[in-house]
All heavy atoms as atom14 arrays in JSON, in Angstrom:
{
  "sequence": "QEPRLVVLDEPTAGVDPAGSREIRDLILDLKRRGITVLLSSHLLAQV",
  "atom14_mask": [
    [1, 1, 1, 1, 1, 1, 1, 1, 1, 0, 0, 0, 0, 0],
    [1, 1, 1, 1, 1, 1, 1, 1, 1, 0, 0, 0, 0, 0],
    [1, 1, 1, 1, 1, 1, 1, 0, 0, 0, 0, 0, 0, 0],
    [1, 1, 1, 1, 1, 1, 1, 1, 1, 1, 1, 0, 0, 0],
    [1, 1, 1, 1, 1, 1, 1, 1, 0, 0, 0, 0, 0, 0],
    [1, 1, 1, 1, 1, 1, 1, 0, 0, 0, 0, 0, 0, 0],
    [1, 1, 1, 1, 1, 1, 1, 0, 0, 0, 0, 0, 0, 0],
    [1, 1, 1, 1, 1, 1, 1, 1, 0, 0, 0, 0, 0, 0],
    [1, 1, 1, 1, 1, 1, 1, 1, 0, 0, 0, 0, 0, 0],
    [1, 1, 1, 1, 1, 1, 1, 1, 1, 0, 0, 0, 0, 0],
    [1, 1, 1, 1, 1, 1, 1, 0, 0, 0, 0, 0, 0, 0],
    [1, 1, 1, 1, 1, 1, 1, 0, 0, 0, 0, 0, 0, 0],
    [1, 1, 1, 1, 1, 0, 0, 0, 0, 0, 0, 0, 0, 0],
    [1, 1, 1, 1, 0, 0, 0, 0, 0, 0, 0, 0, 0, 0],
    [1, 1, 1, 1, 1, 1, 1, 0, 0, 0, 0, 0, 0, 0],
    [1, 1, 1, 1, 1, 1, 1, 1, 0, 0, 0, 0, 0, 0],
    [1, 1, 1, 1, 1, 1, 1, 0, 0, 0, 0, 0, 0, 0],
    [1, 1, 1, 1, 1, 0, 0, 0, 0, 0, 0, 0, 0, 0],
    [1, 1, 1, 1, 0, 0, 0, 0, 0, 0, 0, 0, 0, 0],
    [1, 1, 1, 1, 1, 1, 0, 0, 0, 0, 0, 0, 0, 0],
    [1, 1, 1, 1, 1, 1, 1, 1, 1, 1, 1, 0, 0, 0],
    [1, 1, 1, 1, 1, 1, 1, 1, 1, 0, 0, 0, 0, 0],
    [1, 1, 1, 1, 1, 1, 1, 1, 0, 0, 0, 0, 0, 0],
    [1, 1, 1, 1, 1, 1, 1, 1, 1, 1, 1, 0, 0, 0],
    [1, 1, 1, 1, 1, 1, 1, 1, 0, 0, 0, 0, 0, 0],
    [1, 1, 1, 1, 1, 1, 1, 1, 0, 0, 0, 0, 0, 0],
    [1, 1, 1, 1, 1, 1, 1, 1, 0, 0, 0, 0, 0, 0],
    [1, 1, 1, 1, 1, 1, 1, 1, 0, 0, 0, 0, 0, 0],
    [1, 1, 1, 1, 1, 1, 1, 1, 0, 0, 0, 0, 0, 0],
    [1, 1, 1, 1, 1, 1, 1, 1, 0, 0, 0, 0, 0, 0],
    [1, 1, 1, 1, 1, 1, 1, 1, 1, 0, 0, 0, 0, 0],
    [1, 1, 1, 1, 1, 1, 1, 1, 1, 1, 1, 0, 0, 0],
    [1, 1, 1, 1, 1, 1, 1, 1, 1, 1, 1, 0, 0, 0],
    [1, 1, 1, 1, 0, 0, 0, 0, 0, 0, 0, 0, 0, 0],
    [1, 1, 1, 1, 1, 1, 1, 1, 0, 0, 0, 0, 0, 0],
    [1, 1, 1, 1, 1, 1, 1, 0, 0, 0, 0, 0, 0, 0],
    [1, 1, 1, 1, 1, 1, 1, 0, 0, 0, 0, 0, 0, 0],
    [1, 1, 1, 1, 1, 1, 1, 1, 0, 0, 0, 0, 0, 0],
    [1, 1, 1, 1, 1, 1, 1, 1, 0, 0, 0, 0, 0, 0],
    [1, 1, 1, 1, 1, 1, 0, 0, 0, 0, 0, 0, 0, 0],
    [1, 1, 1, 1, 1, 1, 0, 0, 0, 0, 0, 0, 0, 0],
    [1, 1, 1, 1, 1, 1, 1, 1, 1, 1, 0, 0, 0, 0],
    [1, 1, 1, 1, 1, 1, 1, 1, 0, 0, 0, 0, 0, 0],
    [1, 1, 1, 1, 1, 1, 1, 1, 0, 0, 0, 0, 0, 0],
    [1, 1, 1, 1, 1, 0, 0, 0, 0, 0, 0, 0, 0, 0],
    [1, 1, 1, 1, 1, 1, 1, 1, 1, 0, 0, 0, 0, 0],
    [1, 1, 1, 1, 1, 1, 1, 0, 0, 0, 0, 0, 0, 0]
  ],
  "atom14_positions": [
    [[14.71, 20.98, -3.06], [13.69, 21.84, -3.87], [12.3, 21.75, -3.17], [11.28, 22.01, -3.83], [13.6, 21.32, -5.26], [12.75, 20.13, -5.59], [13.47, 18.79, -5.32], [14.31, 18.7, -4.43], [13.04, 17.75, -6.0], [0.0, 0.0, 0.0], [0.0, 0.0, 0.0], [0.0, 0.0, 0.0], [0.0, 0.0, 0.0], [0.0, 0.0, 0.0]],
    [[12.29, 21.34, -1.92], [11.04, 21.27, -1.16], [10.03, 20.33, -1.88], [8.93, 20.77, -2.24], [10.44, 22.64, -0.92], [11.35, 23.53, -0.13], [10.72, 24.88, 0.19], [9.67, 24.88, 0.89], [11.15, 25.93, -0.32], [0.0, 0.0, 0.0], [0.0, 0.0, 0.0], [0.0, 0.0, 0.0], [0.0, 0.0, 0.0], [0.0, 0.0, 0.0]],
    [[10.41, 19.05, -2.03], [9.48, 18.16, -2.75], [8.25, 17.75, -1.93], [8.29, 17.86, -0.69], [10.38, 16.94, -2.98], [11.32, 16.94, -1.87], [11.58, 18.34, -1.55], [0.0, 0.0, 0.0], [0.0, 0.0, 0.0], [0.0, 0.0, 0.0], [0.0, 0.0, 0.0], [0.0, 0.0, 0.0], [0.0, 0.0, 0.0], [0.0, 0.0, 0.0]],
    [[7.22, 17.32, -2.63], [6.04, 16.8, -2.01], [6.1, 15.32, -1.79], [5.43, 14.71, -0.96], [4.77, 17.1, -2.82], [4.53, 18.63, -3.04], [3.64, 18.89, -4.14], [2.26, 18.28, -3.93], [1.37, 18.19, -4.85], [1.59, 18.58, -6.1], [0.2, 17.61, -4.59], [0.0, 0.0, 0.0], [0.0, 0.0, 0.0], [0.0, 0.0, 0.0]],
    [[7.01, 14.66, -2.54], [7.18, 13.22, -2.45], [8.72, 12.93, -2.43], [9.48, 13.53, -3.21], [6.66, 12.54, -3.68], [7.06, 11.04, -3.88], [6.46, 10.13, -2.85], [6.57, 10.56, -5.32], [0.0, 0.0, 0.0], [0.0, 0.0, 0.0], [0.0, 0.0, 0.0], [0.0, 0.0, 0.0], [0.0, 0.0, 0.0], [0.0, 0.0, 0.0]],
    [[9.17, 12.14, -1.43], [10.58, 11.68, -1.39], [10.65, 10.23, -1.52], [9.92, 9.41, -0.82], [11.18, 12.1, -0.01], [12.61, 11.63, 0.11], [11.11, 13.62, 0.18], [0.0, 0.0, 0.0], [0.0, 0.0, 0.0], [0.0, 0.0, 0.0], [0.0, 0.0, 0.0], [0.0, 0.0, 0.0], [0.0, 0.0, 0.0], [0.0, 0.0, 0.0]],
    [[11.48, 9.75, -2.5], [11.63, 8.32, -2.76], [13.07, 7.94, -2.22], [14.09, 8.48, -2.65], [11.59, 8.01, -4.28], [11.81, 6.55, -4.56], [10.23, 8.46, -4.85], [0.0, 0.0, 0.0], [0.0, 0.0, 0.0], [0.0, 0.0, 0.0], [0.0, 0.0, 0.0], [0.0, 0.0, 0.0], [0.0, 0.0, 0.0], [0.0, 0.0, 0.0]],
    [[13.08, 6.94, -1.35], [14.3, 6.53, -0.76], [14.54, 5.08, -0.97], [13.74, 4.24, -0.59], [14.24, 6.8, 0.81], [13.84, 8.19, 1.26], [13.66, 8.16, 2.78], [14.87, 9.18, 0.84], [0.0, 0.0, 0.0], [0.0, 0.0, 0.0], [0.0, 0.0, 0.0], [0.0, 0.0, 0.0], [0.0, 0.0, 0.0], [0.0, 0.0, 0.0]],
    [[15.7, 4.74, -1.62], [16.02, 3.37, -1.86], [17.06, 2.87, -0.92], [18.24, 3.34, -1.0], [16.56, 3.25, -3.38], [16.67, 1.78, -3.89], [16.35, 0.87, -3.03], [17.06, 1.58, -4.99], [0.0, 0.0, 0.0], [0.0, 0.0, 0.0], [0.0, 0.0, 0.0], [0.0, 0.0, 0.0], [0.0, 0.0, 0.0], [0.0, 0.0, 0.0]],
    [[16.7, 2.04, -0.01], [17.63, 1.61, 1.06], [18.29, 2.69, 1.76], [19.54, 2.82, 1.73], [18.61, 0.57, 0.49], [18.01, -0.63, -0.14], [17.43, -1.63, 0.84], [17.65, -1.42, 2.03], [16.72, -2.48, 0.47], [0.0, 0.0, 0.0], [0.0, 0.0, 0.0], [0.0, 0.0, 0.0], [0.0, 0.0, 0.0], [0.0, 0.0, 0.0]],
    [[17.6, 3.6, 2.36], [18.2, 4.84, 3.0], [19.14, 4.55, 4.14], [19.99, 5.38, 4.47], [17.01, 5.64, 3.52], [15.91, 4.61, 3.69], [16.1, 3.59, 2.65], [0.0, 0.0, 0.0], [0.0, 0.0, 0.0], [0.0, 0.0, 0.0], [0.0, 0.0, 0.0], [0.0, 0.0, 0.0], [0.0, 0.0, 0.0], [0.0, 0.0, 0.0]],
    [[19.07, 3.37, 4.76], [19.94, 3.06, 5.92], [20.99, 1.93, 5.52], [21.55, 1.38, 6.47], [19.12, 2.59, 7.1], [18.25, 1.48, 6.75], [18.26, 3.71, 7.65], [0.0, 0.0, 0.0], [0.0, 0.0, 0.0], [0.0, 0.0, 0.0], [0.0, 0.0, 0.0], [0.0, 0.0, 0.0], [0.0, 0.0, 0.0], [0.0, 0.0, 0.0]],
    [[21.17, 1.72, 4.27], [22.15, 0.7, 3.84], [23.54, 1.01, 4.34], [24.04, 2.11, 4.03], [22.14, 0.53, 2.37], [0.0, 0.0, 0.0], [0.0, 0.0, 0.0], [0.0, 0.0, 0.0], [0.0, 0.0, 0.0], [0.0, 0.0, 0.0], [0.0, 0.0, 0.0], [0.0, 0.0, 0.0], [0.0, 0.0, 0.0], [0.0, 0.0, 0.0]],
    [[24.18, 0.08, 5.02], [25.56, 0.3, 5.49], [25.7, 1.25, 6.62], [26.86, 1.6, 6.98], [0.0, 0.0, 0.0], [0.0, 0.0, 0.0], [0.0, 0.0, 0.0], [0.0, 0.0, 0.0], [0.0, 0.0, 0.0], [0.0, 0.0, 0.0], [0.0, 0.0, 0.0], [0.0, 0.0, 0.0], [0.0, 0.0, 0.0], [0.0, 0.0, 0.0]],
    [[24.61, 1.69, 7.23], [24.69, 2.68, 8.28], [24.62, 1.9, 9.63], [23.9, 0.99, 9.83], [23.53, 3.66, 8.19], [23.57, 4.71, 9.33], [23.59, 4.38, 6.82], [0.0, 0.0, 0.0], [0.0, 0.0, 0.0], [0.0, 0.0, 0.0], [0.0, 0.0, 0.0], [0.0, 0.0, 0.0], [0.0, 0.0, 0.0], [0.0, 0.0, 0.0]],
    [[25.43, 2.45, 10.66], [25.45, 1.84, 11.95], [24.13, 2.12, 12.66], [23.31, 2.92, 12.24], [26.64, 2.29, 12.8], [26.57, 3.79, 13.08], [25.5, 4.38, 13.13], [27.71, 4.37, 13.24], [0.0, 0.0, 0.0], [0.0, 0.0, 0.0], [0.0, 0.0, 0.0], [0.0, 0.0, 0.0], [0.0, 0.0, 0.0], [0.0, 0.0, 0.0]],
    [[23.82, 1.36, 13.77], [22.49, 1.51, 14.4], [22.14, 2.97, 14.84], [21.02, 3.37, 14.71], [22.69, 0.62, 15.68], [23.63, -0.42, 15.26], [24.61, 0.24, 14.35], [0.0, 0.0, 0.0], [0.0, 0.0, 0.0], [0.0, 0.0, 0.0], [0.0, 0.0, 0.0], [0.0, 0.0, 0.0], [0.0, 0.0, 0.0], [0.0, 0.0, 0.0]],
    [[23.18, 3.73, 15.31], [22.93, 5.07, 15.66], [22.52, 5.92, 14.47], [21.58, 6.71, 14.52], [24.14, 5.67, 16.37], [0.0, 0.0, 0.0], [0.0, 0.0, 0.0], [0.0, 0.0, 0.0], [0.0, 0.0, 0.0], [0.0, 0.0, 0.0], [0.0, 0.0, 0.0], [0.0, 0.0, 0.0], [0.0, 0.0, 0.0], [0.0, 0.0, 0.0]],
    [[23.25, 5.8, 13.37], [22.94, 6.48, 12.16], [21.62, 6.08, 11.58], [20.86, 6.92, 11.06], [0.0, 0.0, 0.0], [0.0, 0.0, 0.0], [0.0, 0.0, 0.0], [0.0, 0.0, 0.0], [0.0, 0.0, 0.0], [0.0, 0.0, 0.0], [0.0, 0.0, 0.0], [0.0, 0.0, 0.0], [0.0, 0.0, 0.0], [0.0, 0.0, 0.0]],
    [[21.31, 4.79, 11.7], [20.05, 4.3, 11.24], [18.87, 4.92, 12.02], [17.84, 5.29, 11.43], [19.99, 2.79, 11.36], [18.79, 2.24, 10.9], [0.0, 0.0, 0.0], [0.0, 0.0, 0.0], [0.0, 0.0, 0.0], [0.0, 0.0, 0.0], [0.0, 0.0, 0.0], [0.0, 0.0, 0.0], [0.0, 0.0, 0.0], [0.0, 0.0, 0.0]],
    [[19.06, 5.04, 13.29], [18.06, 5.68, 14.15], [17.85, 7.14, 13.77], [16.71, 7.62, 13.73], [18.41, 5.49, 15.62], [17.55, 6.25, 16.57], [16.18, 5.6, 16.72], [16.18, 4.17, 17.08], [15.19, 3.48, 17.43], [13.95, 4.05, 17.42], [15.25, 2.19, 17.78], [0.0, 0.0, 0.0], [0.0, 0.0, 0.0], [0.0, 0.0, 0.0]],
    [[18.93, 7.83, 13.43], [18.79, 9.26, 13.07], [18.02, 9.37, 11.78], [17.19, 10.3, 11.66], [20.2, 9.87, 12.91], [20.94, 10.05, 14.28], [22.36, 10.52, 14.0], [22.83, 10.54, 12.86], [23.05, 10.91, 14.97], [0.0, 0.0, 0.0], [0.0, 0.0, 0.0], [0.0, 0.0, 0.0], [0.0, 0.0, 0.0], [0.0, 0.0, 0.0]],
    [[18.31, 8.5, 10.8], [17.6, 8.6, 9.53], [16.07, 8.2, 9.75], [15.27, 8.78, 9.07], [18.25, 7.61, 8.54], [19.66, 8.14, 8.17], [17.42, 7.48, 7.26], [20.48, 7.29, 7.29], [0.0, 0.0, 0.0], [0.0, 0.0, 0.0], [0.0, 0.0, 0.0], [0.0, 0.0, 0.0], [0.0, 0.0, 0.0], [0.0, 0.0, 0.0]],
    [[15.83, 7.25, 10.58], [14.44, 6.91, 10.91], [13.68, 8.16, 11.52], [12.59, 8.42, 11.1], [14.39, 5.83, 11.95], [13.0, 5.31, 12.23], [12.8, 4.81, 13.66], [12.88, 5.93, 14.6], [12.45, 5.9, 15.86], [11.96, 4.86, 16.33], [12.55, 6.95, 16.6], [0.0, 0.0, 0.0], [0.0, 0.0, 0.0], [0.0, 0.0, 0.0]],
    [[14.37, 8.84, 12.4], [13.73, 10.06, 13.01], [13.51, 11.15, 11.96], [12.54, 11.86, 11.94], [14.68, 10.6, 14.13], [14.69, 9.65, 15.29], [13.77, 8.79, 15.42], [15.56, 9.81, 16.15], [0.0, 0.0, 0.0], [0.0, 0.0, 0.0], [0.0, 0.0, 0.0], [0.0, 0.0, 0.0], [0.0, 0.0, 0.0], [0.0, 0.0, 0.0]],
    [[14.45, 11.24, 10.97], [14.3, 12.24, 9.89], [13.07, 11.91, 9.05], [12.3, 12.79, 8.63], [15.6, 12.28, 9.02], [16.78, 12.99, 9.64], [18.03, 12.79, 8.82], [16.47, 14.51, 9.76], [0.0, 0.0, 0.0], [0.0, 0.0, 0.0], [0.0, 0.0, 0.0], [0.0, 0.0, 0.0], [0.0, 0.0, 0.0], [0.0, 0.0, 0.0]],
    [[12.88, 10.6, 8.8], [11.71, 10.19, 7.94], [10.43, 10.5, 8.65], [9.45, 10.95, 8.03], [11.83, 8.67, 7.55], [13.05, 8.45, 6.69], [10.56, 8.19, 6.91], [13.34, 6.93, 6.41], [0.0, 0.0, 0.0], [0.0, 0.0, 0.0], [0.0, 0.0, 0.0], [0.0, 0.0, 0.0], [0.0, 0.0, 0.0], [0.0, 0.0, 0.0]],
    [[10.4, 10.28, 9.99], [9.2, 10.57, 10.72], [9.0, 12.05, 10.78], [7.78, 12.53, 10.8], [9.36, 10.04, 12.19], [9.29, 8.53, 12.32], [9.62, 8.11, 13.81], [8.0, 7.96, 11.87], [0.0, 0.0, 0.0], [0.0, 0.0, 0.0], [0.0, 0.0, 0.0], [0.0, 0.0, 0.0], [0.0, 0.0, 0.0], [0.0, 0.0, 0.0]],
    [[10.04, 12.9, 10.8], [9.94, 14.36, 10.73], [9.39, 14.78, 9.4], [8.52, 15.68, 9.33], [11.27, 14.99, 10.95], [11.16, 16.5, 11.15], [10.41, 16.97, 12.08], [11.78, 17.19, 10.37], [0.0, 0.0, 0.0], [0.0, 0.0, 0.0], [0.0, 0.0, 0.0], [0.0, 0.0, 0.0], [0.0, 0.0, 0.0], [0.0, 0.0, 0.0]],
    [[9.74, 14.1, 8.29], [9.19, 14.44, 6.99], [7.69, 14.16, 6.98], [6.93, 14.91, 6.46], [9.85, 13.55, 5.89], [11.34, 13.86, 5.7], [11.88, 12.92, 4.58], [11.62, 15.28, 5.3], [0.0, 0.0, 0.0], [0.0, 0.0, 0.0], [0.0, 0.0, 0.0], [0.0, 0.0, 0.0], [0.0, 0.0, 0.0], [0.0, 0.0, 0.0]],
    [[7.27, 13.09, 7.66], [5.9, 12.75, 7.68], [5.16, 13.81, 8.44], [3.98, 14.27, 8.04], [5.66, 11.37, 8.38], [4.23, 10.95, 8.53], [4.12, 9.66, 9.26], [2.66, 9.33, 9.46], [2.49, 8.04, 10.18], [0.0, 0.0, 0.0], [0.0, 0.0, 0.0], [0.0, 0.0, 0.0], [0.0, 0.0, 0.0], [0.0, 0.0, 0.0]],
    [[5.71, 14.3, 9.6], [5.09, 15.38, 10.34], [4.85, 16.61, 9.5], [3.96, 17.42, 9.74], [5.84, 15.66, 11.66], [5.61, 14.58, 12.69], [6.27, 15.01, 13.98], [7.71, 15.06, 13.94], [8.48, 13.99, 14.3], [7.92, 12.89, 14.64], [9.82, 14.12, 14.2], [0.0, 0.0, 0.0], [0.0, 0.0, 0.0], [0.0, 0.0, 0.0]],
    [[5.82, 16.84, 8.6], [5.79, 17.99, 7.74], [4.78, 17.86, 6.61], [4.6, 18.73, 5.71], [7.13, 18.35, 7.17], [8.12, 18.77, 8.19], [9.53, 18.79, 7.68], [10.49, 19.22, 8.7], [11.24, 20.34, 8.52], [11.06, 21.08, 7.52], [12.03, 20.67, 9.51], [0.0, 0.0, 0.0], [0.0, 0.0, 0.0], [0.0, 0.0, 0.0]],
    [[4.16, 16.63, 6.45], [3.21, 16.4, 5.38], [3.81, 16.0, 4.08], [3.12, 15.9, 3.09], [0.0, 0.0, 0.0], [0.0, 0.0, 0.0], [0.0, 0.0, 0.0], [0.0, 0.0, 0.0], [0.0, 0.0, 0.0], [0.0, 0.0, 0.0], [0.0, 0.0, 0.0], [0.0, 0.0, 0.0], [0.0, 0.0, 0.0], [0.0, 0.0, 0.0]],
    [[5.07, 15.55, 4.15], [5.76, 15.04, 2.93], [5.56, 13.51, 2.79], [5.72, 12.79, 3.75], [7.26, 15.38, 3.0], [7.47, 16.87, 3.02], [8.03, 14.74, 1.85], [8.96, 17.27, 3.31], [0.0, 0.0, 0.0], [0.0, 0.0, 0.0], [0.0, 0.0, 0.0], [0.0, 0.0, 0.0], [0.0, 0.0, 0.0], [0.0, 0.0, 0.0]],
    [[5.19, 13.11, 1.6], [4.94, 11.66, 1.31], [6.3, 10.99, 1.17], [7.19, 11.53, 0.51], [4.13, 11.48, 0.07], [2.95, 12.27, 0.18], [3.73, 10.01, -0.13], [0.0, 0.0, 0.0], [0.0, 0.0, 0.0], [0.0, 0.0, 0.0], [0.0, 0.0, 0.0], [0.0, 0.0, 0.0], [0.0, 0.0, 0.0], [0.0, 0.0, 0.0]],
    [[6.48, 9.86, 1.72], [7.77, 9.04, 1.66], [7.46, 7.72, 1.08], [6.58, 6.94, 1.63], [8.44, 8.97, 2.98], [9.72, 8.16, 2.91], [8.7, 10.32, 3.63], [0.0, 0.0, 0.0], [0.0, 0.0, 0.0], [0.0, 0.0, 0.0], [0.0, 0.0, 0.0], [0.0, 0.0, 0.0], [0.0, 0.0, 0.0], [0.0, 0.0, 0.0]],
    [[8.12, 7.36, 0.02], [8.12, 6.02, -0.57], [9.49, 5.42, -0.39], [10.43, 5.97, -0.96], [7.65, 6.07, -2.03], [7.74, 4.74, -2.83], [6.85, 3.7, -2.24], [7.41, 4.94, -4.29], [0.0, 0.0, 0.0], [0.0, 0.0, 0.0], [0.0, 0.0, 0.0], [0.0, 0.0, 0.0], [0.0, 0.0, 0.0], [0.0, 0.0, 0.0]],
    [[9.64, 4.33, 0.38], [10.89, 3.83, 0.62], [11.0, 2.32, 0.43], [9.99, 1.59, 0.53], [11.4, 4.14, 2.02], [10.69, 3.56, 3.2], [11.27, 2.16, 3.58], [10.72, 4.45, 4.42], [0.0, 0.0, 0.0], [0.0, 0.0, 0.0], [0.0, 0.0, 0.0], [0.0, 0.0, 0.0], [0.0, 0.0, 0.0], [0.0, 0.0, 0.0]],
    [[12.17, 1.88, 0.07], [12.48, 0.48, -0.05], [13.54, 0.17, 0.97], [14.53, 0.92, 1.13], [13.04, 0.13, -1.44], [13.59, -1.16, -1.53], [0.0, 0.0, 0.0], [0.0, 0.0, 0.0], [0.0, 0.0, 0.0], [0.0, 0.0, 0.0], [0.0, 0.0, 0.0], [0.0, 0.0, 0.0], [0.0, 0.0, 0.0], [0.0, 0.0, 0.0]],
    [[13.37, -0.95, 1.73], [14.35, -1.21, 2.78], [14.32, -2.68, 3.12], [13.33, -3.4, 2.95], [14.08, -0.37, 4.06], [14.91, -0.74, 5.1], [0.0, 0.0, 0.0], [0.0, 0.0, 0.0], [0.0, 0.0, 0.0], [0.0, 0.0, 0.0], [0.0, 0.0, 0.0], [0.0, 0.0, 0.0], [0.0, 0.0, 0.0], [0.0, 0.0, 0.0]],
    [[15.51, -3.18, 3.57], [15.61, -4.57, 4.08], [15.5, -4.63, 5.58], [15.43, -5.71, 6.2], [16.94, -5.21, 3.65], [16.95, -5.56, 2.2], [17.55, -4.83, 1.25], [16.45, -6.66, 1.61], [17.37, -5.47, 0.06], [16.67, -6.56, 0.26], [0.0, 0.0, 0.0], [0.0, 0.0, 0.0], [0.0, 0.0, 0.0], [0.0, 0.0, 0.0]],
    [[15.53, -3.47, 6.27], [15.42, -3.41, 7.69], [13.97, -3.47, 8.13], [13.31, -2.42, 8.31], [16.1, -2.2, 8.24], [17.67, -2.08, 7.97], [18.18, -0.82, 8.6], [18.33, -3.28, 8.5], [0.0, 0.0, 0.0], [0.0, 0.0, 0.0], [0.0, 0.0, 0.0], [0.0, 0.0, 0.0], [0.0, 0.0, 0.0], [0.0, 0.0, 0.0]],
    [[13.43, -4.66, 8.27], [11.99, -4.85, 8.44], [11.49, -4.27, 9.81], [10.38, -3.77, 9.86], [11.63, -6.29, 8.31], [11.98, -6.94, 6.97], [11.52, -8.39, 6.95], [11.42, -6.19, 5.8], [0.0, 0.0, 0.0], [0.0, 0.0, 0.0], [0.0, 0.0, 0.0], [0.0, 0.0, 0.0], [0.0, 0.0, 0.0], [0.0, 0.0, 0.0]],
    [[12.32, -4.34, 10.89], [11.87, -3.84, 12.1], [11.72, -2.32, 12.06], [10.8, -1.76, 12.63], [12.91, -4.19, 13.18], [0.0, 0.0, 0.0], [0.0, 0.0, 0.0], [0.0, 0.0, 0.0], [0.0, 0.0, 0.0], [0.0, 0.0, 0.0], [0.0, 0.0, 0.0], [0.0, 0.0, 0.0], [0.0, 0.0, 0.0], [0.0, 0.0, 0.0]],
    [[12.64, -1.66, 11.29], [12.54, -0.18, 11.08], [11.31, 0.14, 10.29], [10.59, 1.09, 10.59], [13.79, 0.36, 10.51], [13.86, 1.85, 10.45], [15.13, 2.34, 9.89], [15.34, 2.31, 8.71], [16.06, 2.76, 10.76], [0.0, 0.0, 0.0], [0.0, 0.0, 0.0], [0.0, 0.0, 0.0], [0.0, 0.0, 0.0], [0.0, 0.0, 0.0]],
    [[11.1, -0.6, 9.21], [9.9, -0.36, 8.4], [8.64, -0.49, 9.25], [7.7, 0.31, 9.11], [9.89, -1.34, 7.18], [8.58, -1.28, 6.45], [11.05, -1.05, 6.27], [0.0, 0.0, 0.0], [0.0, 0.0, 0.0], [0.0, 0.0, 0.0], [0.0, 0.0, 0.0], [0.0, 0.0, 0.0], [0.0, 0.0, 0.0], [0.0, 0.0, 0.0]]
  ]
}
């Protein structure tokens, strides 16, 4: 629905390193589009 805010709870949970990298890139793309992202994660290096 083209939100202005996206809330992600552990978006890379159980995902392999390649999939985790893809999701990271998607989050960065959302930021470039001006979308606010609030996320919770245990992957501190990615955060």
